[in-house]
Amino acid sequence: MTSETDIARLVQILTEVAGPDRTPEAVSAETPLNEAGFWLDSADLLEVLLACEATFSVTLDPTTILPEGSNLTVARLMRAIDSGRRS
C-alpha cells in the first residue's frame, strides 16, 4: 500500500534526477515523467528506476515500465513499485 511518505520519496527521486530546471512547480499523481512534466529522457528514466529499486527494495522490469513512454506518470510508477513489493 502506498503511503504519503512513499510518494514523497518518489517525487524526491524524480526531482533529483530532473534537476531544478526540469522539475514542475506543482507535482501531482498525474504529472508525466517526460514532456510537460519532469522532461525525463530514457536514460533519466533508467536512472529513476535504479534509484527506486534501491530506495524501495524492489526489482522493477524496465521492459514493462519504460515502453509506456508518454503515458508514464508519478502514479503509474508508484503502482509499479507497489506491484514489485508484492512479487
PDB file of N, CA and C in Angstrom:
ATOM      1  N   MET A   1       0.838  -1.180   0.000  1.00  0.00           N
ATOM      2  CA  MET A   1       0.000   0.000   0.000  1.00  0.00           C
ATOM      3  C   MET A   1       0.885   1.247   0.000  1.00  0.00           C
ATOM      4  N   THR A   2       0.518   2.197  -0.778  1.00  0.00           N
ATOM      5  CA  THR A   2       1.284   3.423  -0.930  1.00  0.00           C
ATOM      6  C   THR A   2       0.960   4.387   0.198  1.00  0.00           C
ATOM      7  N   SER A   3       2.010   4.919   0.796  1.00  0.00           N
ATOM      8  CA  SER A   3       1.827   5.937   1.825  1.00  0.00           C
ATOM      9  C   SER A   3       2.266   7.287   1.272  1.00  0.00           C
ATOM     10  N   GLU A   4       1.870   8.334   1.954  1.00  0.00           N
ATOM     11  CA  GLU A   4       2.298   9.682   1.552  1.00  0.00           C
ATOM     12  C   GLU A   4       3.820   9.796   1.591  1.00  0.00           C
ATOM     13  N   THR A   5       4.444   9.089   2.530  1.00  0.00           N
ATOM     14  CA  THR A   5       5.901   9.105   2.628  1.00  0.00           C
ATOM     15  C   THR A   5       6.529   8.484   1.387  1.00  0.00           C
ATOM     16  N   ASP A   6       5.939   7.380   0.903  1.00  0.00           N
ATOM     17  CA  ASP A   6       6.467   6.738  -0.305  1.00  0.00           C
ATOM     18  C   ASP A   6       6.356   7.660  -1.515  1.00  0.00           C
ATOM     19  N   ILE A   7       5.234   8.328  -1.646  1.00  0.00           N
ATOM     20  CA  ILE A   7       5.051   9.254  -2.767  1.00  0.00           C
ATOM     21  C   ILE A   7       6.049  10.401  -2.662  1.00  0.00           C
ATOM     22  N   ALA A   8       6.252  10.906  -1.462  1.00  0.00           N
ATOM     23  CA  ALA A   8       7.227  11.986  -1.264  1.00  0.00           C
ATOM     24  C   ALA A   8       8.630  11.516  -1.626  1.00  0.00           C
ATOM     25  N   ARG A   9       8.964  10.272  -1.272  1.00  0.00           N
ATOM     26  CA  ARG A   9      10.283   9.732  -1.616  1.00  0.00           C
ATOM     27  C   ARG A   9      10.426   9.593  -3.131  1.00  0.00           C
ATOM     28  N   LEU A  10       9.370   9.146  -3.795  1.00  0.00           N
ATOM     29  CA  LEU A  10       9.411   9.023  -5.256  1.00  0.00           C
ATOM     30  C   LEU A  10       9.577  10.393  -5.909  1.00  0.00           C
ATOM     31  N   VAL A  11       8.834  11.370  -5.463  1.00  0.00           N
ATOM     32  CA  VAL A  11       8.947  12.720  -6.021  1.00  0.00           C
ATOM     33  C   VAL A  11      10.348  13.278  -5.771  1.00  0.00           C
ATOM     34  N   GLN A  12      10.932  12.960  -4.629  1.00  0.00           N
ATOM     35  CA  GLN A  12      12.295  13.408  -4.338  1.00  0.00           C
ATOM     36  C   GLN A  12      13.279  12.802  -5.341  1.00  0.00           C
ATOM     37  N   ILE A  13      13.127  11.510  -5.637  1.00  0.00           N
ATOM     38  CA  ILE A  13      13.991  10.858  -6.630  1.00  0.00           C
ATOM     39  C   ILE A  13      13.830  11.538  -7.988  1.00  0.00           C
ATOM     40  N   LEU A  14      12.580  11.749  -8.401  1.00  0.00           N
ATOM     41  CA  LEU A  14      12.318  12.390  -9.691  1.00  0.00           C
ATOM     42  C   LEU A  14      12.917  13.786  -9.750  1.00  0.00           C
ATOM     43  N   THR A  15      12.796  14.527  -8.669  1.00  0.00           N
ATOM     44  CA  THR A  15      13.333  15.886  -8.590  1.00  0.00           C
ATOM     45  C   THR A  15      14.852  15.883  -8.671  1.00  0.00           C
ATOM     46  N   GLU A  16      15.487  14.927  -7.998  1.00  0.00           N
ATOM     47  CA  GLU A  16      16.948  14.846  -8.028  1.00  0.00           C
ATOM     48  C   GLU A  16      17.449  14.517  -9.432  1.00  0.00           C
ATOM     49  N   VAL A  17      16.777  13.606 -10.116  1.00  0.00           N
ATOM     50  CA  VAL A  17      17.211  13.237 -11.467  1.00  0.00           C
ATOM     51  C   VAL A  17      16.914  14.359 -12.459  1.00  0.00           C
ATOM     52  N   ALA A  18      15.741  14.953 -12.365  1.00  0.00           N
ATOM     53  CA  ALA A  18      15.348  16.012 -13.309  1.00  0.00           C
ATOM     54  C   ALA A  18      16.136  17.296 -13.078  1.00  0.00           C
ATOM     55  N   GLY A  19      16.438  17.594 -11.845  1.00  0.00           N
ATOM     56  CA  GLY A  19      17.110  18.851 -11.522  1.00  0.00           C
ATOM     57  C   GLY A  19      16.108  19.993 -11.455  1.00  0.00           C
ATOM     58  N   PRO A  20      16.518  21.125 -10.941  1.00  0.00           N
ATOM     59  CA  PRO A  20      15.595  22.233 -10.715  1.00  0.00           C
ATOM     60  C   PRO A  20      15.004  22.836 -11.997  1.00  0.00           C
ATOM     61  N   ASP A  21      15.723  22.758 -13.094  1.00  0.00           N
ATOM     62  CA  ASP A  21      15.229  23.358 -14.340  1.00  0.00           C
ATOM     63  C   ASP A  21      14.120  22.551 -15.009  1.00  0.00           C
ATOM     64  N   ARG A  22      14.053  21.254 -14.694  1.00  0.00           N
ATOM     65  CA  ARG A  22      13.044  20.412 -15.344  1.00  0.00           C
ATOM     66  C   ARG A  22      11.959  19.931 -14.381  1.00  0.00           C
ATOM     67  N   THR A  23      12.041  20.306 -13.129  1.00  0.00           N
ATOM     68  CA  THR A  23      11.030  19.886 -12.161  1.00  0.00           C
ATOM     69  C   THR A  23       9.854  20.850 -12.210  1.00  0.00           C
ATOM     70  N   PRO A  24       8.636  20.326 -12.409  1.00  0.00           N
ATOM     71  CA  PRO A  24       7.469  21.216 -12.452  1.00  0.00           C
ATOM     72  C   PRO A  24       7.221  21.872 -11.100  1.00  0.00           C
ATOM     73  N   GLU A  25       6.620  23.059 -11.134  1.00  0.00           N
ATOM     74  CA  GLU A  25       6.316  23.765  -9.885  1.00  0.00           C
ATOM     75  C   GLU A  25       5.346  22.975  -9.018  1.00  0.00           C
ATOM     76  N   ALA A  26       4.332  22.416  -9.635  1.00  0.00           N
ATOM     77  CA  ALA A  26       3.345  21.615  -8.910  1.00  0.00           C
ATOM     78  C   ALA A  26       3.403  20.187  -9.435  1.00  0.00           C
ATOM     79  N   VAL A  27       3.579  19.242  -8.525  1.00  0.00           N
ATOM     80  CA  VAL A  27       3.645  17.832  -8.891  1.00  0.00           C
ATOM     81  C   VAL A  27       2.434  17.130  -8.299  1.00  0.00           C
ATOM     82  N   SER A  28       1.737  16.384  -9.154  1.00  0.00           N
ATOM     83  CA  SER A  28       0.600  15.597  -8.687  1.00  0.00           C
ATOM     84  C   SER A  28       0.788  14.157  -9.142  1.00  0.00           C
ATOM     85  N   ALA A  29      -0.151  13.320  -8.806  1.00  0.00           N
ATOM     86  CA  ALA A  29      -0.088  11.914  -9.214  1.00  0.00           C
ATOM     87  C   ALA A  29      -0.098  11.770 -10.733  1.00  0.00           C
ATOM     88  N   GLU A  30      -0.725  12.695 -11.418  1.00  0.00           N
ATOM     89  CA  GLU A  30      -0.836  12.610 -12.877  1.00  0.00           C
ATOM     90  C   GLU A  30       0.243  13.393 -13.624  1.00  0.00           C
ATOM     91  N   THR A  31       1.239  13.890 -12.918  1.00  0.00           N
ATOM     92  CA  THR A  31       2.346  14.591 -13.579  1.00  0.00           C
ATOM     93  C   THR A  31       3.129  13.602 -14.431  1.00  0.00           C
ATOM     94  N   PRO A  32       3.285  13.883 -15.724  1.00  0.00           N
ATOM     95  CA  PRO A  32       4.054  12.993 -16.599  1.00  0.00           C
ATOM     96  C   PRO A  32       5.540  13.019 -16.234  1.00  0.00           C
ATOM     97  N   LEU A  33       6.204  11.904 -16.511  1.00  0.00           N
ATOM     98  CA  LEU A  33       7.637  11.852 -16.234  1.00  0.00           C
ATOM     99  C   LEU A  33       8.456  12.383 -17.402  1.00  0.00           C
ATOM    100  N   ASN A  34       7.824  12.558 -18.553  1.00  0.00           N
ATOM    101  CA  ASN A  34       8.569  13.100 -19.692  1.00  0.00           C
ATOM    102  C   ASN A  34       8.015  14.470 -20.063  1.00  0.00           C
ATOM    103  N   GLU A  35       7.681  14.694 -21.312  1.00  0.00           N
ATOM    104  CA  GLU A  35       7.239  16.008 -21.780  1.00  0.00           C
ATOM    105  C   GLU A  35       6.080  16.550 -20.958  1.00  0.00           C
ATOM    106  N   ALA A  36       6.132  17.848 -20.713  1.00  0.00           N
ATOM    107  CA  ALA A  36       5.105  18.564 -19.946  1.00  0.00           C
ATOM    108  C   ALA A  36       5.086  18.177 -18.483  1.00  0.00           C
ATOM    109  N   GLY A  37       6.121  17.485 -18.043  1.00  0.00           N
ATOM    110  CA  GLY A  37       6.225  17.108 -16.637  1.00  0.00           C
ATOM    111  C   GLY A  37       7.662  17.298 -16.174  1.00  0.00           C
ATOM    112  N   PHE A  38       8.326  16.178 -15.904  1.00  0.00           N
ATOM    113  CA  PHE A  38       9.721  16.222 -15.454  1.00  0.00           C
ATOM    114  C   PHE A  38      10.719  16.255 -16.617  1.00  0.00           C
ATOM    115  N   TRP A  39      10.245  16.049 -17.841  1.00  0.00           N
ATOM    116  CA  TRP A  39      11.088  16.094 -19.043  1.00  0.00           C
ATOM    117  C   TRP A  39      12.240  15.085 -18.990  1.00  0.00           C
ATOM    118  N   LEU A  40      11.970  13.876 -18.492  1.00  0.00           N
ATOM    119  CA  LEU A  40      12.999  12.846 -18.394  1.00  0.00           C
ATOM    120  C   LEU A  40      13.098  12.077 -19.708  1.00  0.00           C
ATOM    121  N   ASP A  41      14.330  11.837 -20.162  1.00  0.00           N
ATOM    122  CA  ASP A  41      14.535  11.006 -21.351  1.00  0.00           C
ATOM    123  C   ASP A  41      14.744   9.563 -20.891  1.00  0.00           C
ATOM    124  N   SER A  42      15.014   8.661 -21.812  1.00  0.00           N
ATOM    125  CA  SER A  42      15.113   7.243 -21.467  1.00  0.00           C
ATOM    126  C   SER A  42      16.263   6.965 -20.496  1.00  0.00           C
ATOM    127  N   ALA A  43      17.375   7.654 -20.648  1.00  0.00           N
ATOM    128  CA  ALA A  43      18.495   7.465 -19.723  1.00  0.00           C
ATOM    129  C   ALA A  43      18.116   7.956 -18.322  1.00  0.00           C
ATOM    130  N   ASP A  44      17.424   9.087 -18.250  1.00  0.00           N
ATOM    131  CA  ASP A  44      16.957   9.606 -16.961  1.00  0.00           C
ATOM    132  C   ASP A  44      15.979   8.630 -16.314  1.00  0.00           C
ATOM    133  N   LEU A  45      15.068   8.080 -17.115  1.00  0.00           N
ATOM    134  CA  LEU A  45      14.079   7.138 -16.582  1.00  0.00           C
ATOM    135  C   LEU A  45      14.753   5.889 -16.032  1.00  0.00           C
ATOM    136  N   LEU A  46      15.785   5.415 -16.703  1.00  0.00           N
ATOM    137  CA  LEU A  46      16.521   4.263 -16.194  1.00  0.00           C
ATOM    138  C   LEU A  46      17.185   4.606 -14.863  1.00  0.00           C
ATOM    139  N   GLU A  47      17.742   5.796 -14.761  1.00  0.00           N
ATOM    140  CA  GLU A  47      18.338   6.243 -13.502  1.00  0.00           C
ATOM    141  C   GLU A  47      17.287   6.291 -12.392  1.00  0.00           C
ATOM    142  N   VAL A  48      16.091   6.773 -12.715  1.00  0.00           N
ATOM    143  CA  VAL A  48      14.990   6.808 -11.752  1.00  0.00           C
ATOM    144  C   VAL A  48      14.633   5.399 -11.299  1.00  0.00           C
ATOM    145  N   LEU A  49      14.520   4.461 -12.249  1.00  0.00           N
ATOM    146  CA  LEU A  49      14.174   3.083 -11.893  1.00  0.00           C
ATOM    147  C   LEU A  49      15.212   2.463 -10.972  1.00  0.00           C
ATOM    148  N   LEU A  50      16.484   2.686 -11.257  1.00  0.00           N
ATOM    149  CA  LEU A  50      17.536   2.150 -10.397  1.00  0.00           C
ATOM    150  C   LEU A  50      17.477   2.759  -8.999  1.00  0.00           C
ATOM    151  N   ALA A  51      17.228   4.047  -8.919  1.00  0.00           N
ATOM    152  CA  ALA A  51      17.109   4.702  -7.613  1.00  0.00           C
ATOM    153  C   ALA A  51      15.889   4.188  -6.858  1.00  0.00           C
ATOM    154  N   CYS A  52      14.796   3.940  -7.573  1.00  0.00           N
ATOM    155  CA  CYS A  52      13.585   3.397  -6.938  1.00  0.00           C
ATOM    156  C   CYS A  52      13.831   1.993  -6.406  1.00  0.00           C
ATOM    157  N   GLU A  53      14.561   1.183  -7.173  1.00  0.00           N
ATOM    158  CA  GLU A  53      14.875  -0.164  -6.708  1.00  0.00           C
ATOM    159  C   GLU A  53      15.651  -0.117  -5.395  1.00  0.00           C
ATOM    160  N   ALA A  54      16.622   0.769  -5.314  1.00  0.00           N
ATOM    161  CA  ALA A  54      17.424   0.887  -4.097  1.00  0.00           C
ATOM    162  C   ALA A  54      16.613   1.461  -2.941  1.00  0.00           C
ATOM    163  N   THR A  55      15.821   2.472  -3.210  1.00  0.00           N
ATOM    164  CA  THR A  55      15.060   3.152  -2.167  1.00  0.00           C
ATOM    165  C   THR A  55      13.933   2.295  -1.621  1.00  0.00           C
ATOM    166  N   PHE A  56      13.217   1.612  -2.509  1.00  0.00           N
ATOM    167  CA  PHE A  56      12.027   0.877  -2.101  1.00  0.00           C
ATOM    168  C   PHE A  56      12.256  -0.632  -1.977  1.00  0.00           C
ATOM    169  N   SER A  57      13.493  -1.083  -2.173  1.00  0.00           N
ATOM    170  CA  SER A  57      13.844  -2.509  -2.075  1.00  0.00           C
ATOM    171  C   SER A  57      12.937  -3.378  -2.941  1.00  0.00           C
ATOM    172  N   VAL A  58      12.845  -3.005  -4.214  1.00  0.00           N
ATOM    173  CA  VAL A  58      12.043  -3.753  -5.178  1.00  0.00           C
ATOM    174  C   VAL A  58      12.887  -4.018  -6.419  1.00  0.00           C
ATOM    175  N   THR A  59      12.411  -4.929  -7.235  1.00  0.00           N
ATOM    176  CA  THR A  59      13.010  -5.152  -8.543  1.00  0.00           C
ATOM    177  C   THR A  59      11.990  -4.711  -9.575  1.00  0.00           C
ATOM    178  N   LEU A  60      12.382  -3.772 -10.417  1.00  0.00           N
ATOM    179  CA  LEU A  60      11.493  -3.240 -11.449  1.00  0.00           C
ATOM    180  C   LEU A  60      11.978  -3.705 -12.814  1.00  0.00           C
ATOM    181  N   ASP A  61      11.053  -4.076 -13.667  1.00  0.00           N
ATOM    182  CA  ASP A  61      11.389  -4.529 -15.007  1.00  0.00           C
ATOM    183  C   ASP A  61      11.262  -3.363 -15.983  1.00  0.00           C
ATOM    184  N   PRO A  62      12.391  -2.803 -16.419  1.00  0.00           N
ATOM    185  CA  PRO A  62      12.335  -1.656 -17.323  1.00  0.00           C
ATOM    186  C   PRO A  62      11.596  -1.959 -18.626  1.00  0.00           C
ATOM    187  N   THR A  63      11.583  -3.222 -19.053  1.00  0.00           N
ATOM    188  CA  THR A  63      10.921  -3.547 -20.315  1.00  0.00           C
ATOM    189  C   THR A  63       9.398  -3.418 -20.216  1.00  0.00           C
ATOM    190  N   THR A  64       8.871  -3.447 -19.015  1.00  0.00           N
ATOM    191  CA  THR A  64       7.429  -3.249 -18.860  1.00  0.00           C
ATOM    192  C   THR A  64       7.086  -1.822 -18.463  1.00  0.00           C
ATOM    193  N   ILE A  65       8.016  -1.123 -17.848  1.00  0.00           N
ATOM    194  CA  ILE A  65       7.738   0.235 -17.376  1.00  0.00           C
ATOM    195  C   ILE A  65       8.092   1.282 -18.428  1.00  0.00           C
ATOM    196  N   LEU A  66       9.251   1.186 -19.023  1.00  0.00           N
ATOM    197  CA  LEU A  66       9.713   2.220 -19.950  1.00  0.00           C
ATOM    198  C   LEU A  66       8.914   2.303 -21.251  1.00  0.00           C
ATOM    199  N   PRO A  67       8.388   1.205 -21.792  1.00  0.00           N
ATOM    200  CA  PRO A  67       7.615   1.341 -23.033  1.00  0.00           C
ATOM    201  C   PRO A  67       6.351   2.179 -22.898  1.00  0.00           C
ATOM    202  N   GLU A  68       5.910   2.444 -21.681  1.00  0.00           N
ATOM    203  CA  GLU A  68       4.728   3.286 -21.527  1.00  0.00           C
ATOM    204  C   GLU A  68       4.977   4.688 -22.058  1.00  0.00           C
ATOM    205  N   GLY A  69       6.250   5.060 -22.164  1.00  0.00           N
ATOM    206  CA  GLY A  69       6.624   6.347 -22.745  1.00  0.00           C
ATOM    207  C   GLY A  69       5.856   7.519 -22.183  1.00  0.00           C
ATOM    208  N   SER A  70       5.135   8.203 -23.031  1.00  0.00           N
ATOM    209  CA  SER A  70       4.468   9.435 -22.621  1.00  0.00           C
ATOM    210  C   SER A  70       3.336   9.202 -21.631  1.00  0.00           C
ATOM    211  N   ASN A  71       2.917   7.967 -21.468  1.00  0.00           N
ATOM    212  CA  ASN A  71       1.843   7.673 -20.526  1.00  0.00           C
ATOM    213  C   ASN A  71       2.338   7.457 -19.099  1.00  0.00           C
ATOM    214  N   LEU A  72       3.638   7.452 -18.893  1.00  0.00           N
ATOM    215  CA  LEU A  72       4.182   7.194 -17.568  1.00  0.00           C
ATOM    216  C   LEU A  72       4.037   8.437 -16.700  1.00  0.00           C
ATOM    217  N   THR A  73       3.351   8.265 -15.575  1.00  0.00           N
ATOM    218  CA  THR A  73       3.119   9.359 -14.633  1.00  0.00           C
ATOM    219  C   THR A  73       3.657   8.955 -13.262  1.00  0.00           C
ATOM    220  N   VAL A  74       3.630   9.887 -12.339  1.00  0.00           N
ATOM    221  CA  VAL A  74       4.048   9.603 -10.972  1.00  0.00           C
ATOM    222  C   VAL A  74       3.214   8.449 -10.414  1.00  0.00           C
ATOM    223  N   ALA A  75       1.905   8.490 -10.611  1.00  0.00           N
ATOM    224  CA  ALA A  75       1.015   7.453 -10.079  1.00  0.00           C
ATOM    225  C   ALA A  75       1.299   6.086 -10.698  1.00  0.00           C
ATOM    226  N   ARG A  76       1.513   6.039 -11.997  1.00  0.00           N
ATOM    227  CA  ARG A  76       1.787   4.754 -12.651  1.00  0.00           C
ATOM    228  C   ARG A  76       3.105   4.157 -12.192  1.00  0.00           C
ATOM    229  N   LEU A  77       4.110   4.996 -12.001  1.00  0.00           N
ATOM    230  CA  LEU A  77       5.376   4.489 -11.491  1.00  0.00           C
ATOM    231  C   LEU A  77       5.206   3.997 -10.059  1.00  0.00           C
ATOM    232  N   MET A  78       4.439   4.702  -9.247  1.00  0.00           N
ATOM    233  CA  MET A  78       4.198   4.274  -7.871  1.00  0.00           C
ATOM    234  C   MET A  78       3.458   2.939  -7.854  1.00  0.00           C
ATOM    235  N   ARG A  79       2.511   2.729  -8.770  1.00  0.00           N
ATOM    236  CA  ARG A  79       1.809   1.438  -8.850  1.00  0.00           C
ATOM    237  C   ARG A  79       2.778   0.321  -9.233  1.00  0.00           C
ATOM    238  N   ALA A  80       3.720   0.595 -10.121  1.00  0.00           N
ATOM    239  CA  ALA A  80       4.720  -0.406 -10.499  1.00  0.00           C
ATOM    240  C   ALA A  80       5.598  -0.767  -9.296  1.00  0.00           C
ATOM    241  N   ILE A  81       5.938   0.237  -8.505  1.00  0.00           N
ATOM    242  CA  ILE A  81       6.729  -0.005  -7.299  1.00  0.00           C
ATOM    243  C   ILE A  81       5.936  -0.855  -6.312  1.00  0.00           C
ATOM    244  N   ASP A  82       4.677  -0.499  -6.106  1.00  0.00           N
ATOM    245  CA  ASP A  82       3.822  -1.273  -5.198  1.00  0.00           C
ATOM    246  C   ASP A  82       3.671  -2.713  -5.690  1.00  0.00           C
ATOM    247  N   SER A  83       3.520  -2.879  -6.991  1.00  0.00           N
ATOM    248  CA  SER A  83       3.390  -4.209  -7.561  1.00  0.00           C
ATOM    249  C   SER A  83       4.670  -5.019  -7.332  1.00  0.00           C
ATOM    250  N   GLY A  84       5.818  -4.365  -7.448  1.00  0.00           N
ATOM    251  CA  GLY A  84       7.095  -5.023  -7.201  1.00  0.00           C
ATOM    252  C   GLY A  84       7.253  -5.470  -5.774  1.00  0.00           C
ATOM    253  N   ARG A  85       6.626  -4.774  -4.851  1.00  0.00           N
ATOM    254  CA  ARG A  85       6.684  -5.156  -3.436  1.00  0.00           C
ATOM    255  C   ARG A  85       5.925  -6.447  -3.178  1.00  0.00           C
ATOM    256  N   ARG A  86       4.869  -6.666  -3.923  1.00  0.00           N
ATOM    257  CA  ARG A  86       4.027  -7.845  -3.723  1.00  0.00           C
ATOM    258  C   ARG A  86       4.598  -9.090  -4.401  1.00  0.00           C
ATOM    259  N   SER A  87       5.518  -8.886  -5.333  1.00  0.00           N
ATOM    260  CA  SER A  87       6.071 -10.028  -6.084  1.00  0.00           C
ATOM    261  C   SER A  87       7.033 -10.827  -5.258  1.00  0.00           C
TER     262      SER A  87
END
